[in-house]
Amino acid sequence: MRHRLKIKNFIFALFVLSFVSCDKDEELSFSDLKGVYNGTFTVEYSEDPIFYDQMELSNEVTIEFENGNFSCSSGENHIPAGGSGKYEMNDNKITFNDENGWFADFDGNLVLDGEYDIKEENSKIIISAHKGIGFYKYQLKKQ
């Protein structure tokens, strides 16, 4: 009798642990972002872009995260413009502090700077924000 009770308790504990360990809404941490991420940057403009001919632009991008610092590659025609500096994460938000000076000959929102939403989706990291005239999105996968 006691043996059956132990087995039932063991199975119940495994059942509970399987649900706890499968929580998809876990917060991302600095250690989760350590390393090099490759993917695609896309901007969708909600009104006529001043510097570009198209309403949607896309390019390959690489972002490296290391000890609270980031470095983002620059694409052709500043799509994205890049950026480097420090970043902080809080809940499902990530804030980039770009430390570079930029000329105003392109959409300044193409620089990875300011607050973005961050989430994990299908083994990819999605970093996105609505900023002024468009929606800016980085879809990244760890290298």
C-alpha atoms as a PDB file:
ATOM      1  CA  MET A   1       0.000   0.000   0.000  1.00  0.00           C
ATOM      2  CA  ARG A   2       2.750   2.470   0.976  1.00  0.00           C
ATOM      3  CA  HIS A   3       4.666   1.530  -2.147  1.00  0.00           C
ATOM      4  CA  ARG A   4       1.707   2.533  -4.374  1.00  0.00           C
ATOM      5  CA  LEU A   5       1.357   5.842  -2.498  1.00  0.00           C
ATOM      6  CA  LYS A   6       5.049   6.624  -3.077  1.00  0.00           C
ATOM      7  CA  ILE A   7       4.716   5.869  -6.780  1.00  0.00           C
ATOM      8  CA  LYS A   8       1.612   8.058  -7.066  1.00  0.00           C
ATOM      9  CA  ASN A   9       3.389  10.929  -5.256  1.00  0.00           C
ATOM     10  CA  PHE A  10       6.424  10.512  -7.509  1.00  0.00           C
ATOM     11  CA  ILE A  11       4.302  10.592 -10.668  1.00  0.00           C
ATOM     12  CA  PHE A  12       2.382  13.620  -9.397  1.00  0.00           C
ATOM     13  CA  ALA A  13       5.680  15.439  -8.646  1.00  0.00           C
ATOM     14  CA  LEU A  14       6.971  14.684 -12.166  1.00  0.00           C
ATOM     15  CA  PHE A  15       3.706  15.932 -13.646  1.00  0.00           C
ATOM     16  CA  VAL A  16       3.920  19.230 -11.732  1.00  0.00           C
ATOM     17  CA  LEU A  17       7.611  19.712 -12.581  1.00  0.00           C
ATOM     18  CA  SER A  18       6.951  19.166 -16.286  1.00  0.00           C
ATOM     19  CA  PHE A  19       4.474  22.066 -16.319  1.00  0.00           C
ATOM     20  CA  VAL A  20       6.729  24.352 -14.299  1.00  0.00           C
ATOM     21  CA  SER A  21       9.751  23.713 -16.536  1.00  0.00           C
ATOM     22  CA  CYS A  22       7.783  24.391 -19.744  1.00  0.00           C
ATOM     23  CA  ASP A  23       6.872  27.997 -18.918  1.00  0.00           C
ATOM     24  CA  LYS A  24       7.210  29.960 -22.204  1.00  0.00           C
ATOM     25  CA  ASP A  25       6.828  33.399 -20.605  1.00  0.00           C
ATOM     26  CA  GLU A  26      10.143  33.293 -18.763  1.00  0.00           C
ATOM     27  CA  GLU A  27      12.051  36.540 -18.705  1.00  0.00           C
ATOM     28  CA  LEU A  28      15.161  36.686 -20.857  1.00  0.00           C
ATOM     29  CA  SER A  29      18.359  37.486 -18.997  1.00  0.00           C
ATOM     30  CA  PHE A  30      21.737  38.973 -19.875  1.00  0.00           C
ATOM     31  CA  SER A  31      23.310  35.514 -20.029  1.00  0.00           C
ATOM     32  CA  ASP A  32      20.660  34.381 -22.532  1.00  0.00           C
ATOM     33  CA  LEU A  33      21.739  37.148 -24.918  1.00  0.00           C
ATOM     34  CA  LYS A  34      25.474  36.567 -24.652  1.00  0.00           C
ATOM     35  CA  GLY A  35      27.039  35.923 -28.043  1.00  0.00           C
ATOM     36  CA  VAL A  36      26.477  36.692 -31.707  1.00  0.00           C
ATOM     37  CA  TYR A  37      22.986  36.777 -33.252  1.00  0.00           C
ATOM     38  CA  ASN A  38      22.302  36.874 -37.004  1.00  0.00           C
ATOM     39  CA  GLY A  39      19.061  37.580 -38.755  1.00  0.00           C
ATOM     40  CA  THR A  40      16.943  40.129 -40.558  1.00  0.00           C
ATOM     41  CA  PHE A  41      16.147  43.746 -39.848  1.00  0.00           C
ATOM     42  CA  THR A  42      12.904  45.140 -41.308  1.00  0.00           C
ATOM     43  CA  VAL A  43      11.346  48.576 -41.164  1.00  0.00           C
ATOM     44  CA  GLU A  44       7.744  49.191 -42.254  1.00  0.00           C
ATOM     45  CA  TYR A  45       6.953  52.876 -42.650  1.00  0.00           C
ATOM     46  CA  SER A  46       3.447  54.063 -41.793  1.00  0.00           C
ATOM     47  CA  GLU A  47       3.844  57.263 -43.799  1.00  0.00           C
ATOM     48  CA  ASP A  48       6.029  58.261 -46.745  1.00  0.00           C
ATOM     49  CA  PRO A  49       9.652  57.890 -45.712  1.00  0.00           C
ATOM     50  CA  ILE A  50      11.714  61.027 -46.239  1.00  0.00           C
ATOM     51  CA  PHE A  51      14.992  59.331 -47.166  1.00  0.00           C
ATOM     52  CA  TYR A  52      13.813  56.151 -48.942  1.00  0.00           C
ATOM     53  CA  ASP A  53      11.674  55.200 -51.972  1.00  0.00           C
ATOM     54  CA  GLN A  54       9.893  52.200 -50.412  1.00  0.00           C
ATOM     55  CA  MET A  55       7.459  51.714 -47.561  1.00  0.00           C
ATOM     56  CA  GLU A  56       9.193  48.504 -46.386  1.00  0.00           C
ATOM     57  CA  LEU A  57      12.934  47.914 -46.272  1.00  0.00           C
ATOM     58  CA  SER A  58      14.897  44.881 -45.111  1.00  0.00           C
ATOM     59  CA  ASN A  59      18.491  43.759 -44.757  1.00  0.00           C
ATOM     60  CA  GLU A  60      20.641  41.190 -42.972  1.00  0.00           C
ATOM     61  CA  VAL A  61      21.902  42.178 -39.532  1.00  0.00           C
ATOM     62  CA  THR A  62      24.279  40.899 -36.854  1.00  0.00           C
ATOM     63  CA  ILE A  63      24.114  41.928 -33.198  1.00  0.00           C
ATOM     64  CA  GLU A  64      26.709  40.894 -30.634  1.00  0.00           C
ATOM     65  CA  PHE A  65      25.857  40.954 -26.914  1.00  0.00           C
ATOM     66  CA  GLU A  66      28.560  40.747 -24.237  1.00  0.00           C
ATOM     67  CA  ASN A  67      28.433  41.767 -20.545  1.00  0.00           C
ATOM     68  CA  GLY A  68      25.793  44.479 -20.959  1.00  0.00           C
ATOM     69  CA  ASN A  69      27.356  45.820 -24.177  1.00  0.00           C
ATOM     70  CA  PHE A  70      26.054  45.476 -27.734  1.00  0.00           C
ATOM     71  CA  SER A  71      27.314  46.033 -31.255  1.00  0.00           C
ATOM     72  CA  CYS A  72      24.976  46.073 -34.261  1.00  0.00           C
ATOM     73  CA  SER A  73      26.168  45.800 -37.865  1.00  0.00           C
ATOM     74  CA  SER A  74      25.288  48.425 -40.439  1.00  0.00           C
ATOM     75  CA  GLY A  75      23.594  47.476 -43.690  1.00  0.00           C
ATOM     76  CA  GLU A  76      23.617  48.999 -47.157  1.00  0.00           C
ATOM     77  CA  ASN A  77      22.038  52.500 -47.179  1.00  0.00           C
ATOM     78  CA  HIS A  78      21.907  52.444 -43.340  1.00  0.00           C
ATOM     79  CA  ILE A  79      19.300  49.627 -43.317  1.00  0.00           C
ATOM     80  CA  PRO A  80      19.839  49.234 -40.322  1.00  0.00           C
ATOM     81  CA  ALA A  81      22.295  51.971 -39.417  1.00  0.00           C
ATOM     82  CA  GLY A  82      23.938  49.867 -36.684  1.00  0.00           C
ATOM     83  CA  GLY A  83      24.973  51.109 -33.296  1.00  0.00           C
ATOM     84  CA  SER A  84      27.010  50.118 -30.281  1.00  0.00           C
ATOM     85  CA  GLY A  85      27.059  50.823 -26.583  1.00  0.00           C
ATOM     86  CA  LYS A  86      25.299  49.483 -23.499  1.00  0.00           C
ATOM     87  CA  TYR A  87      21.952  47.748 -23.087  1.00  0.00           C
ATOM     88  CA  GLU A  88      19.672  46.885 -20.159  1.00  0.00           C
ATOM     89  CA  MET A  89      16.786  44.444 -19.889  1.00  0.00           C
ATOM     90  CA  ASN A  90      13.709  44.875 -17.707  1.00  0.00           C
ATOM     91  CA  ASP A  91      10.760  42.489 -17.988  1.00  0.00           C
ATOM     92  CA  ASN A  92      10.042  42.143 -21.731  1.00  0.00           C
ATOM     93  CA  LYS A  93      11.788  45.401 -22.636  1.00  0.00           C
ATOM     94  CA  ILE A  94      15.351  46.035 -23.737  1.00  0.00           C
ATOM     95  CA  THR A  95      16.857  49.511 -23.803  1.00  0.00           C
ATOM     96  CA  PHE A  96      19.846  50.269 -26.009  1.00  0.00           C
ATOM     97  CA  ASN A  97      22.111  53.245 -25.310  1.00  0.00           C
ATOM     98  CA  ASP A  98      23.976  53.909 -28.544  1.00  0.00           C
ATOM     99  CA  GLU A  99      27.234  55.768 -27.868  1.00  0.00           C
ATOM    100  CA  ASN A 100      28.002  56.966 -31.420  1.00  0.00           C
ATOM    101  CA  GLY A 101      27.514  60.303 -33.132  1.00  0.00           C
ATOM    102  CA  TRP A 102      25.462  60.238 -36.340  1.00  0.00           C
ATOM    103  CA  PHE A 103      24.876  62.586 -39.280  1.00  0.00           C
ATOM    104  CA  ALA A 104      21.211  63.347 -40.037  1.00  0.00           C
ATOM    105  CA  ASP A 105      21.262  62.093 -43.644  1.00  0.00           C
ATOM    106  CA  PHE A 106      19.017  59.065 -42.941  1.00  0.00           C
ATOM    107  CA  ASP A 107      16.158  57.951 -40.663  1.00  0.00           C
ATOM    108  CA  GLY A 108      17.714  58.164 -37.188  1.00  0.00           C
ATOM    109  CA  ASN A 109      15.361  55.438 -35.926  1.00  0.00           C
ATOM    110  CA  LEU A 110      17.436  52.980 -37.968  1.00  0.00           C
ATOM    111  CA  VAL A 111      20.112  53.258 -35.259  1.00  0.00           C
ATOM    112  CA  LEU A 112      19.656  50.582 -32.598  1.00  0.00           C
ATOM    113  CA  ASP A 113      18.902  52.987 -29.738  1.00  0.00           C
ATOM    114  CA  GLY A 114      16.122  53.439 -27.189  1.00  0.00           C
ATOM    115  CA  GLU A 115      13.472  51.085 -25.814  1.00  0.00           C
ATOM    116  CA  TYR A 116      12.252  47.985 -27.682  1.00  0.00           C
ATOM    117  CA  ASP A 117      10.022  45.028 -26.888  1.00  0.00           C
ATOM    118  CA  ILE A 118      11.881  41.721 -26.751  1.00  0.00           C
ATOM    119  CA  LYS A 119      10.473  38.196 -26.902  1.00  0.00           C
ATOM    120  CA  GLU A 120      11.454  34.695 -27.833  1.00  0.00           C
ATOM    121  CA  GLU A 121       9.437  33.063 -30.600  1.00  0.00           C
ATOM    122  CA  ASN A 122      10.177  29.761 -32.368  1.00  0.00           C
ATOM    123  CA  SER A 123      13.831  29.750 -31.180  1.00  0.00           C
ATOM    124  CA  LYS A 124      14.308  33.317 -32.467  1.00  0.00           C
ATOM    125  CA  ILE A 125      14.724  36.548 -30.554  1.00  0.00           C
ATOM    126  CA  ILE A 126      12.375  39.304 -31.771  1.00  0.00           C
ATOM    127  CA  ILE A 127      13.336  42.888 -30.897  1.00  0.00           C
ATOM    128  CA  SER A 128      10.791  45.459 -32.106  1.00  0.00           C
ATOM    129  CA  ALA A 129       9.445  48.969 -31.586  1.00  0.00           C
ATOM    130  CA  HIS A 130       6.982  51.450 -33.056  1.00  0.00           C
ATOM    131  CA  LYS A 131       8.949  54.671 -33.415  1.00  0.00           C
ATOM    132  CA  GLY A 132       7.482  57.771 -34.981  1.00  0.00           C
ATOM    133  CA  ILE A 133       7.033  56.991 -38.646  1.00  0.00           C
ATOM    134  CA  GLY A 134       7.539  53.214 -38.648  1.00  0.00           C
ATOM    135  CA  PHE A 135       7.771  49.781 -37.098  1.00  0.00           C
ATOM    136  CA  TYR A 136      11.344  48.522 -36.624  1.00  0.00           C
ATOM    137  CA  LYS A 137      11.969  44.792 -36.123  1.00  0.00           C
ATOM    138  CA  TYR A 138      15.049  42.602 -35.641  1.00  0.00           C
ATOM    139  CA  GLN A 139      14.487  38.821 -36.012  1.00  0.00           C
ATOM    140  CA  LEU A 140      17.593  37.082 -34.712  1.00  0.00           C
ATOM    141  CA  LYS A 141      18.905  33.589 -34.118  1.00  0.00           C
ATOM    142  CA  LYS A 142      21.960  32.781 -32.029  1.00  0.00           C
ATOM    143  CA  GLN A 143      24.954  31.811 -34.131  1.00  0.00           C
END
